[in-house]
Every structure is written in structure tokens, then in C-alpha cells.
N, C-alpha and C. Protein backbone atom coordinates (compact mmCIF):
# COMPACT_ATOMS: atom_id res chain seq x y z
N MET A 1 -57.98 -82.20 88.52
CA MET A 1 -58.16 -80.77 88.69
C MET A 1 -58.59 -80.44 90.11
N ALA A 2 -59.47 -81.28 90.64
CA ALA A 2 -59.94 -81.05 92.01
C ALA A 2 -58.78 -81.13 92.99
N THR A 3 -57.83 -82.03 92.74
CA THR A 3 -56.66 -82.16 93.62
C THR A 3 -55.86 -80.86 93.63
N LEU A 4 -55.72 -80.24 92.48
CA LEU A 4 -54.96 -78.99 92.40
C LEU A 4 -55.67 -77.86 93.14
N VAL A 5 -56.98 -77.77 92.96
CA VAL A 5 -57.76 -76.74 93.67
C VAL A 5 -57.70 -76.99 95.17
N ASN A 6 -57.80 -78.26 95.57
CA ASN A 6 -57.72 -78.58 97.00
C ASN A 6 -56.36 -78.22 97.59
N ALA A 7 -55.30 -78.42 96.81
CA ALA A 7 -53.96 -78.05 97.27
C ALA A 7 -53.85 -76.54 97.46
N LEU A 8 -54.45 -75.78 96.57
CA LEU A 8 -54.44 -74.31 96.73
C LEU A 8 -55.27 -73.89 97.94
N ALA A 9 -56.42 -74.51 98.12
CA ALA A 9 -57.26 -74.19 99.28
C ALA A 9 -56.54 -74.52 100.58
N ALA A 10 -55.82 -75.63 100.61
CA ALA A 10 -55.05 -76.00 101.80
C ALA A 10 -53.94 -74.99 102.05
N TRP A 11 -53.30 -74.52 100.98
CA TRP A 11 -52.26 -73.50 101.12
C TRP A 11 -52.84 -72.22 101.72
N LEU A 12 -54.03 -71.84 101.28
CA LEU A 12 -54.67 -70.63 101.81
C LEU A 12 -54.90 -70.76 103.32
N LYS A 13 -55.39 -71.92 103.75
CA LYS A 13 -55.62 -72.13 105.18
C LYS A 13 -54.32 -72.17 105.96
N GLU A 14 -53.32 -72.83 105.38
CA GLU A 14 -52.02 -72.98 106.03
C GLU A 14 -51.32 -71.64 106.23
N LYS A 15 -51.37 -70.79 105.22
CA LYS A 15 -50.67 -69.50 105.27
C LYS A 15 -51.35 -68.48 106.17
N ASN A 16 -52.66 -68.62 106.32
CA ASN A 16 -53.40 -67.70 107.19
C ASN A 16 -53.10 -66.24 106.87
N ILE A 17 -53.18 -65.90 105.57
CA ILE A 17 -52.98 -64.52 105.14
C ILE A 17 -54.31 -63.96 104.66
N SER A 18 -54.36 -62.66 104.51
CA SER A 18 -55.61 -62.05 104.07
C SER A 18 -55.93 -62.48 102.64
N LYS A 19 -57.20 -62.39 102.30
CA LYS A 19 -57.63 -62.76 100.95
C LYS A 19 -56.97 -61.86 99.91
N ALA A 20 -56.84 -60.60 100.24
CA ALA A 20 -56.21 -59.66 99.31
C ALA A 20 -54.76 -60.03 99.06
N GLU A 21 -54.05 -60.39 100.11
CA GLU A 21 -52.64 -60.78 99.97
C GLU A 21 -52.52 -62.09 99.20
N ALA A 22 -53.38 -63.06 99.49
CA ALA A 22 -53.36 -64.35 98.79
C ALA A 22 -53.63 -64.14 97.30
N ALA A 23 -54.60 -63.31 96.98
CA ALA A 23 -54.91 -63.03 95.58
C ALA A 23 -53.72 -62.37 94.89
N ARG A 24 -53.06 -61.46 95.58
CA ARG A 24 -51.88 -60.78 95.02
C ARG A 24 -50.76 -61.79 94.76
N VAL A 25 -50.48 -62.66 95.73
CA VAL A 25 -49.42 -63.65 95.59
C VAL A 25 -49.72 -64.58 94.41
N LEU A 26 -50.96 -65.01 94.28
CA LEU A 26 -51.33 -65.94 93.23
C LEU A 26 -51.56 -65.26 91.88
N GLY A 27 -51.66 -63.95 91.88
CA GLY A 27 -51.87 -63.21 90.63
C GLY A 27 -53.27 -63.34 90.08
N ILE A 28 -54.26 -63.41 90.99
CA ILE A 28 -55.66 -63.56 90.58
C ILE A 28 -56.53 -62.54 91.29
N SER A 29 -57.78 -62.46 90.86
CA SER A 29 -58.73 -61.54 91.50
C SER A 29 -59.32 -62.19 92.74
N ALA A 30 -59.97 -61.39 93.56
CA ALA A 30 -60.64 -61.89 94.75
C ALA A 30 -61.75 -62.86 94.38
N GLN A 31 -62.41 -62.61 93.26
CA GLN A 31 -63.49 -63.50 92.80
C GLN A 31 -62.93 -64.88 92.46
N ARG A 32 -61.79 -64.93 91.78
CA ARG A 32 -61.16 -66.22 91.46
C ARG A 32 -60.72 -66.94 92.73
N LEU A 33 -60.25 -66.18 93.71
CA LEU A 33 -59.84 -66.77 94.97
C LEU A 33 -61.03 -67.43 95.67
N GLU A 34 -62.18 -66.80 95.62
CA GLU A 34 -63.39 -67.38 96.20
C GLU A 34 -63.76 -68.69 95.51
N GLN A 35 -63.54 -68.76 94.21
CA GLN A 35 -63.82 -70.00 93.48
C GLN A 35 -62.91 -71.13 93.97
N ILE A 36 -61.67 -70.80 94.27
CA ILE A 36 -60.75 -71.80 94.82
C ILE A 36 -61.22 -72.25 96.19
N GLU A 37 -61.60 -71.30 97.02
CA GLU A 37 -62.07 -71.63 98.37
C GLU A 37 -63.32 -72.51 98.33
N LYS A 38 -64.15 -72.34 97.31
CA LYS A 38 -65.36 -73.15 97.17
C LYS A 38 -65.10 -74.48 96.47
N GLY A 39 -63.86 -74.70 96.00
CA GLY A 39 -63.52 -75.94 95.34
C GLY A 39 -64.05 -76.08 93.94
N LEU A 40 -64.25 -74.98 93.25
CA LEU A 40 -64.82 -75.00 91.90
C LEU A 40 -63.72 -75.26 90.85
N SER A 41 -63.31 -76.51 90.74
CA SER A 41 -62.19 -76.86 89.86
C SER A 41 -62.52 -76.66 88.38
N LYS A 42 -63.79 -76.73 87.99
CA LYS A 42 -64.16 -76.58 86.59
C LYS A 42 -63.96 -75.14 86.09
N SER A 43 -63.73 -74.22 87.01
CA SER A 43 -63.54 -72.82 86.65
C SER A 43 -62.11 -72.52 86.20
N PHE A 44 -61.22 -73.51 86.27
CA PHE A 44 -59.80 -73.27 86.01
C PHE A 44 -59.24 -74.27 85.01
N THR A 45 -58.19 -73.86 84.34
CA THR A 45 -57.45 -74.78 83.48
C THR A 45 -56.31 -75.40 84.26
N PHE A 46 -55.79 -76.49 83.76
CA PHE A 46 -54.63 -77.13 84.39
C PHE A 46 -53.47 -76.14 84.46
N GLU A 47 -53.27 -75.42 83.38
CA GLU A 47 -52.15 -74.48 83.32
C GLU A 47 -52.29 -73.37 84.37
N SER A 48 -53.48 -72.82 84.51
CA SER A 48 -53.65 -71.73 85.48
C SER A 48 -53.46 -72.24 86.91
N LEU A 49 -53.96 -73.43 87.19
CA LEU A 49 -53.77 -73.99 88.54
C LEU A 49 -52.31 -74.31 88.81
N SER A 50 -51.61 -74.84 87.82
CA SER A 50 -50.18 -75.14 87.98
C SER A 50 -49.40 -73.86 88.23
N TYR A 51 -49.74 -72.81 87.51
CA TYR A 51 -49.08 -71.51 87.67
C TYR A 51 -49.29 -70.96 89.08
N MET A 52 -50.53 -71.03 89.56
CA MET A 52 -50.83 -70.53 90.90
C MET A 52 -50.12 -71.36 91.97
N LEU A 53 -50.08 -72.68 91.79
CA LEU A 53 -49.38 -73.53 92.75
C LEU A 53 -47.89 -73.21 92.77
N ALA A 54 -47.31 -72.94 91.63
CA ALA A 54 -45.90 -72.55 91.58
C ALA A 54 -45.68 -71.25 92.35
N LYS A 55 -46.59 -70.29 92.19
CA LYS A 55 -46.49 -69.03 92.93
C LYS A 55 -46.64 -69.26 94.43
N ALA A 56 -47.34 -70.34 94.81
CA ALA A 56 -47.53 -70.68 96.22
C ALA A 56 -46.37 -71.53 96.75
N GLY A 57 -45.38 -71.80 95.90
CA GLY A 57 -44.23 -72.57 96.33
C GLY A 57 -44.43 -74.07 96.25
N LYS A 58 -45.36 -74.50 95.43
CA LYS A 58 -45.66 -75.92 95.27
C LYS A 58 -45.23 -76.38 93.88
N GLN A 59 -44.85 -77.64 93.77
CA GLN A 59 -44.47 -78.21 92.49
C GLN A 59 -45.53 -79.21 92.05
N VAL A 60 -45.96 -79.09 90.81
CA VAL A 60 -46.95 -80.00 90.26
C VAL A 60 -46.21 -81.01 89.38
N THR A 61 -46.47 -82.29 89.65
CA THR A 61 -45.85 -83.36 88.88
C THR A 61 -46.96 -84.22 88.29
N VAL A 62 -46.84 -84.52 87.02
CA VAL A 62 -47.83 -85.35 86.34
C VAL A 62 -47.15 -86.67 85.99
N SER A 63 -47.84 -87.76 86.27
CA SER A 63 -47.30 -89.06 85.89
C SER A 63 -48.33 -89.84 85.09
N ILE A 64 -47.83 -90.65 84.18
CA ILE A 64 -48.69 -91.49 83.36
C ILE A 64 -48.25 -92.93 83.56
N ARG A 65 -49.22 -93.79 83.89
CA ARG A 65 -48.91 -95.18 84.13
C ARG A 65 -49.86 -96.07 83.35
N ASP A 66 -49.40 -97.25 83.05
CA ASP A 66 -50.28 -98.26 82.45
C ASP A 66 -51.26 -98.73 83.50
N ILE A 67 -52.46 -99.05 83.05
CA ILE A 67 -53.46 -99.57 84.00
C ILE A 67 -53.78 -101.02 83.69
């Protein structure tokens, strides 16, 4: 989950857009955007993070391997 939040935070820095615009693109409130910026991964579900990453033009891939 932390990896997904970090990917969104990196996208925010990379795009260099206003917080209001980023929140609009991701379909979330400014408060939720602040949680992403702070790296608060426990505040989100896998599904919500995957959805936001898709809106940011990122693809989430899950793999399962034997250990």
C-alpha cells in the first residue's frame, strides 16, 4: 500500500500542478490529497489507490510468487 501512495506522491511532484487540479484529476478531496502527500497509506484501500493511479495514467500490476 505504501508503494502505491508513494507512486501517487511522486506523480504529484512530477506533474507540478496545483493541489486543486490534482484533486480534481484524481477525483478526491483536498484533504485526501494531503493524506497522500503525507504518505498515510493506511487511510486508503487498494482499490481506491489503484483507481487514482489509473486516473494519473499509471498501471497497477499485482504478482504472486512462491517464496
